[in-house]
């Protein structure tokens, strides 16, 4: 069971990394220099799905991490 949880944790971590990298690509260079900071905008379309998916994946990753730590105890 411990091995299965570890494999699941690695797979979720890789997916989470990919989703986070996809989000940062959309920000562009304007946000790096502060031009976007004063403008309020809402997430729409794919950007909103990526954000929600990131939050859900982070929650799942945390739960699997806790289960893995619990399973590793003697």
N, C-alpha and C. Protein backbone atom coordinates (compact mmCIF):
# COMPACT_ATOMS: atom_id res chain seq x y z
N UNK A 1 0.82 -1.18 0.00
CA UNK A 1 0.00 0.00 0.00
C UNK A 1 0.88 1.27 0.00
N UNK A 2 1.97 1.21 0.72
CA UNK A 2 2.86 2.37 0.79
C UNK A 2 3.44 2.69 -0.59
N UNK A 3 3.81 1.67 -1.33
CA UNK A 3 4.38 1.89 -2.67
C UNK A 3 3.35 2.51 -3.61
N UNK A 4 2.11 2.04 -3.53
CA UNK A 4 1.05 2.58 -4.37
C UNK A 4 0.81 4.06 -4.05
N UNK A 5 0.80 4.41 -2.77
CA UNK A 5 0.60 5.80 -2.38
C UNK A 5 1.76 6.68 -2.86
N UNK A 6 2.96 6.15 -2.80
CA UNK A 6 4.11 6.91 -3.27
C UNK A 6 4.06 7.15 -4.77
N UNK A 7 3.64 6.15 -5.53
CA UNK A 7 3.51 6.29 -6.98
C UNK A 7 2.43 7.32 -7.31
N UNK A 8 1.30 7.25 -6.61
CA UNK A 8 0.22 8.22 -6.82
C UNK A 8 0.70 9.62 -6.49
N UNK A 9 1.47 9.75 -5.43
CA UNK A 9 1.99 11.06 -5.03
C UNK A 9 2.93 11.63 -6.09
N UNK A 10 3.76 10.81 -6.67
CA UNK A 10 4.69 11.26 -7.72
C UNK A 10 3.92 11.69 -8.97
N UNK A 11 2.92 10.92 -9.35
CA UNK A 11 2.12 11.26 -10.54
C UNK A 11 1.39 12.58 -10.33
N UNK A 12 0.78 12.75 -9.15
CA UNK A 12 0.07 14.00 -8.87
C UNK A 12 1.05 15.17 -8.84
N UNK A 13 2.24 14.97 -8.30
CA UNK A 13 3.24 16.04 -8.26
C UNK A 13 3.64 16.47 -9.66
N UNK A 14 3.82 15.53 -10.56
CA UNK A 14 4.20 15.86 -11.94
C UNK A 14 3.07 16.63 -12.63
N UNK A 15 1.84 16.17 -12.45
CA UNK A 15 0.70 16.87 -13.05
C UNK A 15 0.57 18.28 -12.48
N UNK A 16 0.78 18.42 -11.17
CA UNK A 16 0.70 19.73 -10.53
C UNK A 16 1.77 20.67 -11.06
N UNK A 17 2.96 20.17 -11.28
CA UNK A 17 4.04 20.99 -11.84
C UNK A 17 3.67 21.47 -13.24
N UNK A 18 3.13 20.59 -14.05
CA UNK A 18 2.75 20.96 -15.41
C UNK A 18 1.65 22.02 -15.40
N UNK A 19 0.65 21.85 -14.53
CA UNK A 19 -0.45 22.82 -14.47
C UNK A 19 0.06 24.18 -14.00
N UNK A 20 0.96 24.20 -13.02
CA UNK A 20 1.51 25.47 -12.54
C UNK A 20 2.33 26.15 -13.63
N UNK A 21 3.11 25.39 -14.38
CA UNK A 21 3.89 25.97 -15.46
C UNK A 21 3.00 26.51 -16.58
N UNK A 22 1.89 25.86 -16.84
CA UNK A 22 0.96 26.35 -17.85
C UNK A 22 0.34 27.67 -17.42
N UNK A 23 0.11 27.85 -16.13
CA UNK A 23 -0.44 29.11 -15.63
C UNK A 23 0.56 30.25 -15.79
N UNK A 24 1.81 30.01 -15.47
CA UNK A 24 2.79 31.09 -15.51
C UNK A 24 3.10 31.51 -16.94
N UNK A 25 2.86 30.67 -17.91
CA UNK A 25 3.08 31.04 -19.30
C UNK A 25 2.13 32.13 -19.76
N UNK A 26 0.93 32.12 -19.25
CA UNK A 26 -0.07 33.10 -19.66
C UNK A 26 0.15 34.48 -19.10
N UNK A 27 1.00 34.65 -18.12
CA UNK A 27 1.16 35.95 -17.50
C UNK A 27 1.96 36.92 -18.36
N UNK A 28 2.89 36.43 -19.14
CA UNK A 28 3.67 37.27 -20.03
C UNK A 28 4.70 38.11 -19.30
N UNK A 29 5.38 38.99 -20.04
CA UNK A 29 6.43 39.83 -19.46
C UNK A 29 5.85 41.07 -18.81
N UNK A 30 4.64 41.45 -19.14
CA UNK A 30 4.06 42.66 -18.57
C UNK A 30 3.89 42.58 -17.07
N UNK A 31 3.52 41.42 -16.57
CA UNK A 31 3.36 41.24 -15.13
C UNK A 31 4.68 41.28 -14.39
N UNK A 32 5.77 40.97 -15.06
CA UNK A 32 7.07 40.98 -14.41
C UNK A 32 7.55 42.39 -14.13
N UNK A 33 7.11 43.36 -14.92
CA UNK A 33 7.56 44.73 -14.75
C UNK A 33 6.54 45.61 -14.05
N UNK A 34 5.45 45.03 -13.57
CA UNK A 34 4.50 45.79 -12.78
C UNK A 34 3.43 46.51 -13.57
N UNK A 35 3.34 46.34 -14.85
CA UNK A 35 2.33 47.04 -15.62
C UNK A 35 0.95 46.45 -15.42
N UNK A 36 0.86 45.19 -15.08
CA UNK A 36 -0.41 44.52 -14.89
C UNK A 36 -0.92 44.65 -13.46
N UNK A 37 -0.13 45.14 -12.54
CA UNK A 37 -0.48 45.11 -11.13
C UNK A 37 -1.67 46.00 -10.79
N UNK A 38 -1.84 47.10 -11.48
CA UNK A 38 -2.89 48.05 -11.14
C UNK A 38 -4.21 47.71 -11.81
N UNK A 39 -4.24 46.74 -12.68
CA UNK A 39 -5.44 46.41 -13.43
C UNK A 39 -6.11 45.19 -12.79
N UNK A 40 -7.40 45.34 -12.47
CA UNK A 40 -8.16 44.22 -11.93
C UNK A 40 -8.76 43.45 -13.09
N UNK A 41 -8.57 42.16 -13.07
CA UNK A 41 -9.18 41.35 -14.11
C UNK A 41 -9.57 40.01 -13.51
N UNK A 42 -10.57 39.40 -14.09
CA UNK A 42 -11.04 38.11 -13.60
C UNK A 42 -10.50 37.01 -14.50
N UNK A 43 -10.41 35.85 -13.93
CA UNK A 43 -9.99 34.69 -14.71
C UNK A 43 -11.18 34.21 -15.54
N UNK A 44 -10.90 33.87 -16.80
CA UNK A 44 -11.97 33.40 -17.67
C UNK A 44 -11.48 32.21 -18.47
N UNK A 45 -12.39 31.37 -18.82
CA UNK A 45 -12.09 30.25 -19.72
C UNK A 45 -11.07 29.28 -19.17
N UNK A 46 -10.07 29.02 -19.98
CA UNK A 46 -9.04 28.03 -19.64
C UNK A 46 -8.26 28.45 -18.40
N UNK A 47 -8.02 29.74 -18.26
CA UNK A 47 -7.27 30.23 -17.10
C UNK A 47 -8.00 29.90 -15.80
N UNK A 48 -9.32 30.00 -15.81
CA UNK A 48 -10.10 29.68 -14.62
C UNK A 48 -10.05 28.19 -14.33
N UNK A 49 -10.12 27.35 -15.36
CA UNK A 49 -10.03 25.90 -15.17
C UNK A 49 -8.66 25.50 -14.64
N UNK A 50 -7.61 26.14 -15.16
CA UNK A 50 -6.27 25.84 -14.66
C UNK A 50 -6.12 26.22 -13.19
N UNK A 51 -6.68 27.37 -12.81
CA UNK A 51 -6.60 27.81 -11.42
C UNK A 51 -7.35 26.85 -10.51
N UNK A 52 -8.56 26.51 -10.86
CA UNK A 52 -9.34 25.58 -10.04
C UNK A 52 -8.70 24.21 -10.00
N UNK A 53 -8.17 23.76 -11.13
CA UNK A 53 -7.49 22.47 -11.17
C UNK A 53 -6.26 22.46 -10.28
N UNK A 54 -5.55 23.58 -10.23
CA UNK A 54 -4.37 23.68 -9.38
C UNK A 54 -4.76 23.56 -7.91
N UNK A 55 -5.83 24.24 -7.53
CA UNK A 55 -6.27 24.19 -6.14
C UNK A 55 -6.71 22.78 -5.77
N UNK A 56 -7.45 22.13 -6.65
CA UNK A 56 -7.93 20.77 -6.39
C UNK A 56 -6.77 19.80 -6.32
N UNK A 57 -5.83 19.91 -7.28
CA UNK A 57 -4.66 19.02 -7.27
C UNK A 57 -3.80 19.22 -6.04
N UNK A 58 -3.66 20.46 -5.59
CA UNK A 58 -2.88 20.72 -4.38
C UNK A 58 -3.54 20.08 -3.17
N UNK A 59 -4.85 20.14 -3.10
CA UNK A 59 -5.57 19.48 -2.00
C UNK A 59 -5.42 17.97 -2.03
N UNK A 60 -5.52 17.40 -3.22
CA UNK A 60 -5.35 15.96 -3.36
C UNK A 60 -3.93 15.56 -3.01
N UNK A 61 -2.96 16.36 -3.46
CA UNK A 61 -1.56 16.07 -3.15
C UNK A 61 -1.32 16.09 -1.65
N UNK A 62 -1.90 17.06 -0.96
CA UNK A 62 -1.73 17.16 0.48
C UNK A 62 -2.36 15.96 1.19
N UNK A 63 -3.55 15.55 0.75
CA UNK A 63 -4.22 14.40 1.36
C UNK A 63 -3.42 13.12 1.15
N UNK A 64 -2.90 12.91 -0.07
CA UNK A 64 -2.11 11.72 -0.36
C UNK A 64 -0.81 11.75 0.44
N UNK A 65 -0.22 12.93 0.60
CA UNK A 65 1.00 13.05 1.40
C UNK A 65 0.76 12.66 2.84
N UNK A 66 -0.37 13.10 3.41
CA UNK A 66 -0.70 12.73 4.78
C UNK A 66 -0.95 11.23 4.90
N UNK A 67 -1.64 10.67 3.92
CA UNK A 67 -1.88 9.21 3.94
C UNK A 67 -0.57 8.44 3.81
N UNK A 68 0.35 8.93 2.99
CA UNK A 68 1.63 8.26 2.82
C UNK A 68 2.44 8.32 4.12
N UNK A 69 2.42 9.46 4.76
CA UNK A 69 3.14 9.61 6.03
C UNK A 69 2.52 8.70 7.10
N UNK A 70 1.21 8.59 7.11
CA UNK A 70 0.53 7.72 8.07
C UNK A 70 0.83 6.26 7.80
N UNK A 71 0.87 5.88 6.54
CA UNK A 71 1.15 4.49 6.17
C UNK A 71 2.60 4.10 6.47
N UNK A 72 3.49 5.08 6.49
CA UNK A 72 4.91 4.79 6.72
C UNK A 72 5.21 4.57 8.21
N UNK A 73 4.30 4.98 9.08
CA UNK A 73 4.50 4.77 10.51
C UNK A 73 4.39 3.29 10.86
N UNK A 74 5.19 2.83 11.81
CA UNK A 74 5.13 1.41 12.19
C UNK A 74 3.87 1.05 12.92
